N, C-alpha and C. Protein backbone atom coordinates (compact mmCIF):
# COMPACT_ATOMS: atom_id res chain seq x y z
N UNK A 1 69.63 -14.65 3.47
CA UNK A 1 70.03 -14.18 2.24
C UNK A 1 69.40 -12.29 2.83
N UNK A 2 70.30 -11.67 2.16
CA UNK A 2 69.86 -10.48 2.92
C UNK A 2 69.19 -8.99 2.15
N UNK A 3 69.10 -8.96 2.74
CA UNK A 3 67.78 -7.60 1.34
C UNK A 3 68.71 -6.02 1.63
N UNK A 4 68.68 -5.50 0.44
CA UNK A 4 69.46 -4.31 0.10
C UNK A 4 68.72 -3.08 0.55
N UNK A 5 68.91 -2.12 1.31
CA UNK A 5 68.63 -1.17 2.03
C UNK A 5 68.30 -0.34 1.31
N UNK A 6 66.43 -0.03 1.60
CA UNK A 6 66.35 1.21 0.56
C UNK A 6 67.51 2.52 1.25
N UNK A 7 67.54 2.31 2.66
CA UNK A 7 68.08 4.37 3.15
C UNK A 7 69.80 3.66 3.41
N UNK A 8 70.37 3.62 1.72
CA UNK A 8 71.34 2.80 2.34
C UNK A 8 72.94 4.08 2.34
N UNK A 9 72.10 4.78 1.85
CA UNK A 9 72.90 6.11 1.34
C UNK A 9 73.49 6.90 2.45
N UNK A 10 74.53 7.29 2.87
CA UNK A 10 74.76 7.90 3.43
C UNK A 10 74.61 9.61 3.93
N UNK A 11 73.89 10.20 2.47
CA UNK A 11 73.13 11.23 2.29
C UNK A 11 71.09 10.71 3.66
N UNK A 12 71.61 9.83 4.20
CA UNK A 12 70.41 10.03 4.54
C UNK A 12 70.51 9.11 5.61
N UNK A 13 70.55 10.62 6.78
CA UNK A 13 70.53 9.91 8.48
C UNK A 13 69.46 9.97 8.82
N UNK A 14 70.01 8.65 10.20
CA UNK A 14 68.37 9.08 11.14
C UNK A 14 67.18 8.29 10.69
N UNK A 15 67.38 7.24 9.17
CA UNK A 15 65.82 7.02 8.31
C UNK A 15 66.09 6.01 8.86
N UNK A 16 67.14 4.64 9.70
CA UNK A 16 66.72 3.74 10.09
C UNK A 16 65.39 2.91 11.17
N UNK A 17 64.09 4.38 11.63
CA UNK A 17 63.89 3.74 11.84
C UNK A 17 62.55 4.36 11.05
N UNK A 18 62.45 4.32 10.12
CA UNK A 18 61.42 4.13 9.02
C UNK A 18 61.49 3.39 8.16
N UNK A 19 63.35 2.97 8.01
CA UNK A 19 62.58 1.40 7.23
C UNK A 19 61.54 0.14 8.30
N UNK A 20 62.37 0.58 9.62
CA UNK A 20 61.87 -1.04 10.17
C UNK A 20 59.68 -0.57 10.10
N UNK A 21 59.59 0.62 9.98
CA UNK A 21 58.47 0.51 10.10
C UNK A 21 57.74 0.27 8.73
N UNK A 22 58.64 0.39 7.17
CA UNK A 22 58.04 0.29 6.75
C UNK A 22 57.58 -1.29 6.88
N UNK A 23 58.81 -2.23 7.09
CA UNK A 23 58.95 -3.43 7.07
C UNK A 23 57.21 -3.62 7.66
N UNK A 24 57.20 -3.16 9.27
CA UNK A 24 56.52 -4.07 9.31
C UNK A 24 55.01 -4.13 8.57
N UNK A 25 54.94 -2.30 8.60
CA UNK A 25 53.66 -2.51 7.31
C UNK A 25 53.87 -4.27 6.15
N UNK A 26 55.24 -3.47 5.26
CA UNK A 26 54.70 -4.64 4.56
C UNK A 26 54.04 -5.54 4.49
N UNK A 27 54.92 -6.26 6.32
CA UNK A 27 53.86 -7.75 6.96
C UNK A 27 53.14 -8.05 6.86
N UNK A 28 52.05 -6.98 7.16
CA UNK A 28 50.64 -7.28 7.82
C UNK A 28 49.95 -6.63 6.86
N UNK A 29 50.44 -6.05 5.72
CA UNK A 29 48.64 -5.50 4.85
C UNK A 29 47.94 -6.03 4.16
N UNK A 30 48.79 -7.61 4.62
CA UNK A 30 48.39 -8.30 3.52
C UNK A 30 47.21 -8.91 3.21
N UNK A 31 46.22 -8.75 5.16
CA UNK A 31 44.63 -9.01 4.93
C UNK A 31 43.73 -7.85 4.53
N UNK A 32 42.97 -8.15 3.83
CA UNK A 32 41.82 -7.28 3.53
C UNK A 32 41.10 -6.85 4.55
N UNK A 33 40.57 -7.16 5.95
CA UNK A 33 39.49 -7.46 5.93
C UNK A 33 39.80 -6.53 7.66
N UNK A 34 38.89 -6.05 8.53
CA UNK A 34 37.82 -5.52 6.98
C UNK A 34 37.56 -4.20 6.84
N UNK A 35 37.18 -4.12 5.71
CA UNK A 35 37.19 -3.01 4.73
C UNK A 35 37.48 -1.55 5.11
N UNK A 36 38.16 -0.87 4.48
CA UNK A 36 38.67 0.51 5.16
C UNK A 36 38.21 1.54 4.81
N UNK A 37 38.06 3.11 5.04
CA UNK A 37 38.58 4.72 3.77
C UNK A 37 39.72 5.15 5.27
N UNK A 38 40.34 5.80 3.96
CA UNK A 38 40.64 7.36 4.75
C UNK A 38 40.15 8.00 4.03
N UNK A 39 39.84 9.10 4.52
CA UNK A 39 39.07 10.24 3.77
C UNK A 39 40.56 11.65 4.29
N UNK A 40 40.34 12.77 3.16
CA UNK A 40 40.75 14.01 3.80
C UNK A 40 39.53 14.93 3.83
N UNK A 41 39.44 14.98 5.46
CA UNK A 41 38.27 16.20 5.72
C UNK A 41 38.61 17.92 5.38
N UNK A 42 39.86 18.00 5.22
CA UNK A 42 40.51 18.78 5.48
C UNK A 42 42.40 19.21 5.09
N UNK A 43 42.53 20.17 5.79
CA UNK A 43 44.42 20.11 5.77
C UNK A 43 44.67 19.94 7.50
N UNK A 44 43.40 19.82 7.98
CA UNK A 44 44.15 19.67 10.35
C UNK A 44 43.80 18.32 9.97
N UNK A 45 42.47 18.14 9.06
CA UNK A 45 42.03 16.65 10.11
C UNK A 45 42.04 15.56 8.85
N UNK A 46 42.01 14.40 9.38
CA UNK A 46 41.20 12.89 8.70
C UNK A 46 40.61 12.18 9.61
N UNK A 47 39.89 10.62 9.02
CA UNK A 47 39.15 10.16 8.63
C UNK A 47 39.01 8.62 8.57
N UNK A 48 39.37 7.64 9.15
CA UNK A 48 39.54 6.51 8.82
C UNK A 48 38.79 5.85 9.51
N UNK A 49 37.56 5.04 8.07
CA UNK A 49 36.29 4.90 8.22
C UNK A 49 36.56 3.45 7.96
N UNK A 50 36.24 2.64 8.98
CA UNK A 50 36.23 0.72 8.55
C UNK A 50 34.95 0.09 8.51
N UNK A 51 34.43 -1.38 7.85
CA UNK A 51 33.23 -1.75 7.92
C UNK A 51 33.18 -2.71 8.83
N UNK A 52 32.20 -2.09 9.91
CA UNK A 52 32.53 -3.32 11.53
C UNK A 52 31.38 -3.95 11.10
N UNK A 53 30.35 -4.49 9.88
CA UNK A 53 28.76 -4.85 10.81
C UNK A 53 28.67 -6.03 11.66
N UNK A 54 28.21 -5.59 12.72
CA UNK A 54 27.53 -6.93 13.52
C UNK A 54 28.70 -7.26 14.61
N UNK A 55 29.07 -5.76 14.79
CA UNK A 55 30.16 -5.55 15.67
C UNK A 55 29.25 -4.57 16.50
N UNK A 56 29.52 -4.93 18.02
CA UNK A 56 28.94 -3.25 18.79
C UNK A 56 29.81 -2.78 19.52
N UNK A 57 29.52 -1.96 19.63
CA UNK A 57 30.53 -1.20 21.27
C UNK A 57 31.61 -2.07 22.10
N UNK A 58 31.87 -2.80 22.96
CA UNK A 58 32.00 -3.56 23.75
C UNK A 58 32.61 -4.33 22.48
N UNK A 59 32.80 -4.93 21.43
CA UNK A 59 33.51 -5.56 20.54
C UNK A 59 34.74 -5.21 20.04
N UNK A 60 34.63 -4.13 20.19
CA UNK A 60 35.60 -2.93 19.46
C UNK A 60 36.80 -3.20 20.42
N UNK A 61 38.17 -2.84 19.77
CA UNK A 61 38.86 -1.32 20.68
C UNK A 61 39.74 -1.10 19.41
N UNK A 62 40.20 0.11 20.65
CA UNK A 62 40.86 0.51 20.06
C UNK A 62 42.41 1.24 20.58
N UNK A 63 43.46 1.38 19.93
CA UNK A 63 44.82 1.75 20.98
C UNK A 63 45.46 1.86 20.17
N UNK A 64 46.30 3.12 20.59
CA UNK A 64 47.71 3.71 20.40
C UNK A 64 48.03 3.48 20.42
N UNK A 65 49.56 3.04 20.54
CA UNK A 65 51.03 2.38 21.37
C UNK A 65 51.92 2.78 19.64
N UNK A 66 53.15 3.72 20.43
CA UNK A 66 54.63 4.00 19.39
C UNK A 66 54.33 4.37 17.82
N UNK A 67 52.69 5.21 17.76
CA UNK A 67 52.82 6.16 16.71
C UNK A 67 52.04 4.35 15.68
N UNK A 68 51.26 4.18 16.68
CA UNK A 68 50.51 2.41 15.84
C UNK A 68 49.54 3.17 15.99
N UNK A 69 48.35 3.24 15.18
CA UNK A 69 46.95 2.65 15.79
C UNK A 69 46.30 1.21 15.46
N UNK A 70 46.20 1.36 16.01
CA UNK A 70 45.64 -0.82 16.36
C UNK A 70 44.39 -0.43 16.71
N UNK A 71 42.78 -1.67 15.39
CA UNK A 71 41.75 -1.48 15.96
C UNK A 71 42.28 -3.22 16.08
N UNK A 72 40.88 -3.54 17.05
CA UNK A 72 41.41 -5.19 16.49
C UNK A 72 38.88 -5.60 17.17
N UNK A 73 39.04 -6.15 17.09
CA UNK A 73 37.21 -6.45 17.09
C UNK A 73 37.14 -7.86 17.30
N UNK A 74 36.24 -8.21 17.94
CA UNK A 74 36.06 -10.20 18.09
C UNK A 74 34.46 -9.91 18.95
N UNK A 75 33.63 -10.60 18.21
CA UNK A 75 32.62 -10.32 18.91
C UNK A 75 32.69 -11.96 20.09
N UNK A 76 31.35 -11.55 20.39
CA UNK A 76 31.70 -12.71 22.01
C UNK A 76 30.80 -14.07 21.08
N UNK A 77 31.08 -14.35 21.77
CA UNK A 77 30.15 -16.66 20.88
C UNK A 77 28.87 -16.51 22.31
N UNK A 78 27.74 -16.34 20.86
CA UNK A 78 26.65 -16.88 21.95
C UNK A 78 26.54 -17.92 21.64
N UNK A 79 26.96 -18.93 23.05
CA UNK A 79 26.90 -20.57 22.89
C UNK A 79 24.96 -21.14 22.49
N UNK A 80 23.74 -20.41 22.63
CA UNK A 80 22.79 -20.52 23.35
C UNK A 80 22.28 -20.84 21.46
N UNK A 81 22.48 -20.01 20.81
CA UNK A 81 21.95 -19.98 19.51
C UNK A 81 22.58 -21.27 18.78
N UNK A 82 21.43 -21.46 18.08
CA UNK A 82 21.57 -22.75 16.74
C UNK A 82 21.52 -22.07 15.57
N UNK A 83 22.55 -22.06 14.75
CA UNK A 83 22.14 -22.38 13.23
C UNK A 83 22.18 -23.03 12.59
N UNK A 84 20.61 -23.40 11.72
CA UNK A 84 20.33 -24.07 10.36
C UNK A 84 21.29 -23.14 9.59
N UNK A 85 21.88 -22.80 9.15
CA UNK A 85 22.70 -22.24 8.26
C UNK A 85 23.67 -20.90 8.53
N UNK A 86 24.90 -20.90 8.50
CA UNK A 86 25.63 -19.96 9.47
C UNK A 86 26.29 -18.59 7.92
N UNK A 87 25.67 -18.43 7.48
CA UNK A 87 26.49 -17.27 6.31
C UNK A 87 27.17 -16.23 6.23
N UNK A 88 26.98 -15.97 8.47
CA UNK A 88 27.74 -14.72 8.52
C UNK A 88 28.95 -14.86 9.31
N UNK A 89 29.59 -14.73 8.83
CA UNK A 89 30.96 -15.12 10.11
C UNK A 89 31.17 -14.83 10.76
N UNK A 90 31.35 -14.65 12.50
CA UNK A 90 31.56 -14.19 13.19
C UNK A 90 33.53 -14.25 13.43
N UNK A 91 34.01 -13.21 12.47
CA UNK A 91 35.28 -12.87 12.14
C UNK A 91 36.27 -12.42 12.88
N UNK A 92 37.29 -12.69 14.12
CA UNK A 92 38.01 -11.61 14.27
C UNK A 92 38.96 -10.55 13.58
N UNK A 93 39.70 -9.12 13.85
CA UNK A 93 40.13 -8.95 13.12
C UNK A 93 41.15 -7.96 13.76
N UNK A 94 42.28 -8.03 13.43
CA UNK A 94 43.27 -6.81 13.72
C UNK A 94 43.92 -5.31 13.11
N UNK A 95 43.46 -4.86 12.79
CA UNK A 95 43.93 -3.85 11.37
C UNK A 95 44.45 -2.22 11.96
N UNK A 96 45.94 -2.51 11.47
CA UNK A 96 47.15 -1.75 11.98
C UNK A 96 46.96 -0.45 11.08
N UNK A 97 47.31 0.83 12.00
CA UNK A 97 47.48 1.96 11.31
C UNK A 97 49.19 2.57 11.76
N UNK A 98 50.07 2.65 10.80
CA UNK A 98 51.26 4.30 11.25
C UNK A 98 50.65 5.45 10.85
N UNK A 99 50.90 6.43 12.46
CA UNK A 99 50.47 7.72 12.45
C UNK A 99 51.34 8.60 12.37
N UNK A 100 52.30 9.85 11.69
CA UNK A 100 53.30 10.28 11.37
C UNK A 100 52.77 10.91 13.39
N UNK A 101 54.20 11.89 13.75
CA UNK A 101 54.42 12.28 14.66
C UNK A 101 53.43 13.39 14.66
N UNK A 102 52.80 13.95 15.57
CA UNK A 102 52.36 15.19 15.97
C UNK A 102 50.60 14.85 16.02
N UNK A 103 50.54 13.73 15.02
CA UNK A 103 49.29 13.43 14.88
C UNK A 103 47.95 12.47 15.33
N UNK A 104 46.84 12.99 16.08
CA UNK A 104 46.09 12.94 17.25
C UNK A 104 44.81 12.31 16.69
N UNK A 105 44.57 11.59 17.99
CA UNK A 105 43.25 10.65 17.32
C UNK A 105 41.86 11.58 18.32
N UNK A 106 41.74 12.37 18.06
CA UNK A 106 40.35 13.00 18.80
C UNK A 106 39.11 12.52 19.02
N UNK A 107 39.20 11.15 18.07
CA UNK A 107 37.19 10.27 19.07
C UNK A 107 36.92 9.83 17.72
N UNK A 108 36.71 8.32 18.38
CA UNK A 108 36.17 7.13 17.14
C UNK A 108 34.57 7.46 17.44
N UNK A 109 34.18 7.12 16.17
CA UNK A 109 32.58 6.60 16.78
C UNK A 109 31.66 5.55 16.09
N UNK A 110 30.89 5.17 16.00
CA UNK A 110 30.18 3.53 15.84
C UNK A 110 29.18 3.77 14.93
N UNK A 111 28.80 4.15 13.79
CA UNK A 111 27.16 4.19 13.10
C UNK A 111 27.05 3.74 12.46
N UNK A 112 25.79 2.32 11.95
CA UNK A 112 24.71 1.73 10.64
C UNK A 112 26.55 0.96 10.09
N UNK A 113 26.82 0.02 11.46
CA UNK A 113 28.06 -0.81 10.94
C UNK A 113 29.66 -0.74 11.06
N UNK A 114 29.43 0.77 10.72
CA UNK A 114 30.43 1.94 9.94
C UNK A 114 31.66 2.45 10.94
N UNK A 115 32.90 2.11 11.32
CA UNK A 115 33.40 2.62 12.67
C UNK A 115 33.78 4.12 12.14
N UNK A 116 34.19 5.29 12.42
CA UNK A 116 35.08 6.09 12.13
C UNK A 116 35.25 6.55 13.36
N UNK A 117 37.37 6.58 13.25
CA UNK A 117 38.22 7.94 13.92
C UNK A 117 38.31 8.76 12.82
N UNK A 118 38.23 9.80 13.62
CA UNK A 118 38.69 10.93 13.75
C UNK A 118 40.28 11.49 14.06
N UNK A 119 41.00 12.07 13.38
CA UNK A 119 42.57 12.72 13.12
C UNK A 119 42.83 13.90 13.30
N UNK A 120 43.23 14.28 13.70
CA UNK A 120 44.11 15.72 13.42
C UNK A 120 45.20 15.35 13.38
N UNK A 121 45.77 15.82 12.21
CA UNK A 121 47.51 16.13 11.97
C UNK A 121 47.47 18.14 11.29
N UNK A 122 48.62 18.11 12.94
CA UNK A 122 48.96 19.30 12.76
C UNK A 122 49.41 20.14 11.79
N UNK A 123 49.12 21.38 11.68
CA UNK A 123 49.70 22.14 9.97
C UNK A 123 50.98 22.61 10.46
N UNK A 124 52.01 21.96 9.44
CA UNK A 124 53.69 22.07 10.13
C UNK A 124 53.96 23.50 9.51
N UNK A 125 55.14 24.11 10.10
CA UNK A 125 55.72 26.10 10.08
C UNK A 125 56.92 25.77 9.64
N UNK A 126 57.40 25.72 8.61
CA UNK A 126 59.52 25.51 8.00
C UNK A 126 59.65 26.05 9.43
N UNK A 127 61.13 25.38 9.92
CA UNK A 127 61.69 25.89 11.33
C UNK A 127 63.06 25.81 10.25
N UNK A 128 63.59 27.17 10.41
CA UNK A 128 64.77 27.05 9.77
C UNK A 128 65.98 27.59 11.19
N UNK A 129 66.68 27.04 11.13
CA UNK A 129 67.55 26.68 12.62
C UNK A 129 68.97 27.52 10.95
N UNK A 130 69.39 28.35 12.56
CA UNK A 130 71.12 28.37 12.49
C UNK A 130 72.19 28.03 13.16
N UNK A 131 73.59 27.81 13.06
CA UNK A 131 74.05 26.80 13.50
C UNK A 131 75.07 27.64 13.35
N UNK A 132 75.71 27.93 14.64
CA UNK A 132 76.77 29.63 14.83
C UNK A 132 78.03 27.52 15.19
N UNK A 133 79.19 29.14 13.82
CA UNK A 133 80.00 27.65 13.90
C UNK A 133 81.48 28.00 15.01
N UNK A 134 81.87 27.45 15.35
CA UNK A 134 82.93 27.68 15.94
C UNK A 134 84.72 27.72 15.42
N UNK A 135 85.56 28.64 16.21
CA UNK A 135 87.44 27.81 15.61
C UNK A 135 87.65 26.65 17.37
N UNK A 136 88.65 26.01 16.46
CA UNK A 136 88.85 25.11 17.29
C UNK A 136 89.24 25.20 18.43
N UNK A 137 89.75 26.18 18.97
CA UNK A 137 90.35 26.97 20.59
C UNK A 137 89.23 26.99 21.04
N UNK A 138 88.26 27.52 20.75
CA UNK A 138 86.96 27.83 22.20
C UNK A 138 86.37 26.76 22.04
N UNK A 139 86.38 27.38 23.27
CA UNK A 139 85.29 26.00 24.94
C UNK A 139 83.89 25.58 24.32
N UNK A 140 83.41 24.73 24.40
CA UNK A 140 81.75 24.27 24.16
C UNK A 140 81.28 25.25 24.97
N UNK A 141 80.41 25.71 24.52
CA UNK A 141 79.17 26.76 25.96
C UNK A 141 78.99 25.69 26.13
N UNK A 142 77.64 26.29 27.12
CA UNK A 142 76.64 24.84 27.91
C UNK A 142 75.66 25.48 27.44
N UNK A 143 75.19 26.59 27.19
CA UNK A 143 73.43 26.67 26.59
C UNK A 143 73.44 27.70 25.04
N UNK A 144 72.98 27.30 24.16
CA UNK A 144 73.40 28.51 23.63
C UNK A 144 73.54 29.80 23.73
N UNK A 145 72.36 30.80 24.91
CA UNK A 145 72.09 32.27 25.08
C UNK A 145 73.07 32.45 26.40
N UNK A 146 74.10 31.76 27.12
CA UNK A 146 74.82 31.66 28.05
C UNK A 146 75.94 31.96 27.43
N UNK A 147 76.77 31.24 26.31
CA UNK A 147 78.70 32.58 25.67
C UNK A 147 77.73 32.51 24.03
N UNK A 148 78.05 33.67 23.21
CA UNK A 148 78.10 33.25 22.35
C UNK A 148 79.62 33.05 21.69
N UNK A 149 79.59 32.14 21.89
CA UNK A 149 81.02 31.55 20.66
C UNK A 149 81.80 32.46 19.57
N UNK A 150 83.19 32.63 19.66
CA UNK A 150 83.97 33.61 18.41
C UNK A 150 82.99 32.63 17.35
N UNK A 151 83.22 33.78 16.32
CA UNK A 151 82.62 33.21 14.61
C UNK A 151 83.86 32.89 13.57
N UNK A 152 84.26 32.71 12.43
CA UNK A 152 84.48 32.05 11.70
C UNK A 152 84.87 34.04 11.09
N UNK A 153 83.69 34.86 10.70
CA UNK A 153 83.81 36.12 9.81
C UNK A 153 84.45 37.18 11.19
N UNK A 154 84.39 36.75 12.36
CA UNK A 154 84.94 37.49 13.23
C UNK A 154 86.46 37.90 13.35
N UNK A 155 87.12 36.58 12.93
CA UNK A 155 88.33 36.10 12.95
C UNK A 155 88.77 36.62 11.71
N UNK A 156 88.45 36.06 10.28
CA UNK A 156 88.22 36.66 9.27
C UNK A 156 88.87 38.35 9.12
N UNK A 157 88.24 39.25 10.10
CA UNK A 157 87.64 40.69 9.51
C UNK A 157 89.21 41.19 10.45
N UNK A 158 89.14 40.65 11.97
CA UNK A 158 91.11 40.44 11.54
C UNK A 158 91.81 40.43 10.97
N UNK A 159 91.95 39.27 10.60
CA UNK A 159 93.54 39.18 9.66
C UNK A 159 93.51 40.11 8.88
N UNK A 160 92.44 40.38 7.92
CA UNK A 160 92.40 41.98 7.01
C UNK A 160 92.81 43.15 8.16
N UNK A 161 92.97 42.95 8.54
CA UNK A 161 93.02 45.14 8.94
C UNK A 161 94.83 45.23 9.23
N UNK A 162 95.65 43.02 9.54
CA UNK A 162 96.81 43.44 9.99
C UNK A 162 96.51 43.54 11.08
N UNK A 163 98.25 43.49 11.64
CA UNK A 163 98.14 43.02 13.00
C UNK A 163 98.15 44.37 13.93
N UNK A 164 98.78 45.87 13.37
CA UNK A 164 98.72 46.54 14.04
C UNK A 164 97.07 47.19 14.17
N UNK A 165 96.02 46.88 13.32
CA UNK A 165 94.57 47.59 13.10
C UNK A 165 94.28 48.24 12.78
N UNK A 166 95.47 48.82 11.73
CA UNK A 166 95.59 49.63 10.86
C UNK A 166 95.47 49.47 9.50
N UNK A 167 93.75 49.80 8.31
CA UNK A 167 94.21 49.47 7.48
C UNK A 167 94.88 49.60 6.14
N UNK A 168 95.73 49.42 5.37
CA UNK A 168 97.17 49.51 5.02
C UNK A 168 96.35 49.49 3.27
């Protein structure tokens, strides 16, 4: 059975990577361990906090690959310990977060069973770019700065003045 694409509109070009990311997130978001918070500290800063009680610094790892932040926890088994009752599980986990382009991990701290991961997001300045319009017979410019193509406005001005260049 095929699934209908959320981004199948011809007006949404280049969003196939975003769709794959959303599919991957939907598949991995089922497990609720360990619990976590995401805080908005300011316009430029975020913090992810995971509850990792019982895990030490050597039991945790944080990796970033292809804008995916992955936190893994694995407690080492202490075979010399004998439990009469074991109610605290030494459970492994993997928690992943997708990061937008430009978000950087500033650092991580472990404090009283909470792992804090500080993120910095750049402020996005709106960018406006003007695209030159060339006519059919123009050669493609090698660089935008090296060759100024003829514009449609210049040709329109020539046709209004007539073949002799005098206004009538």
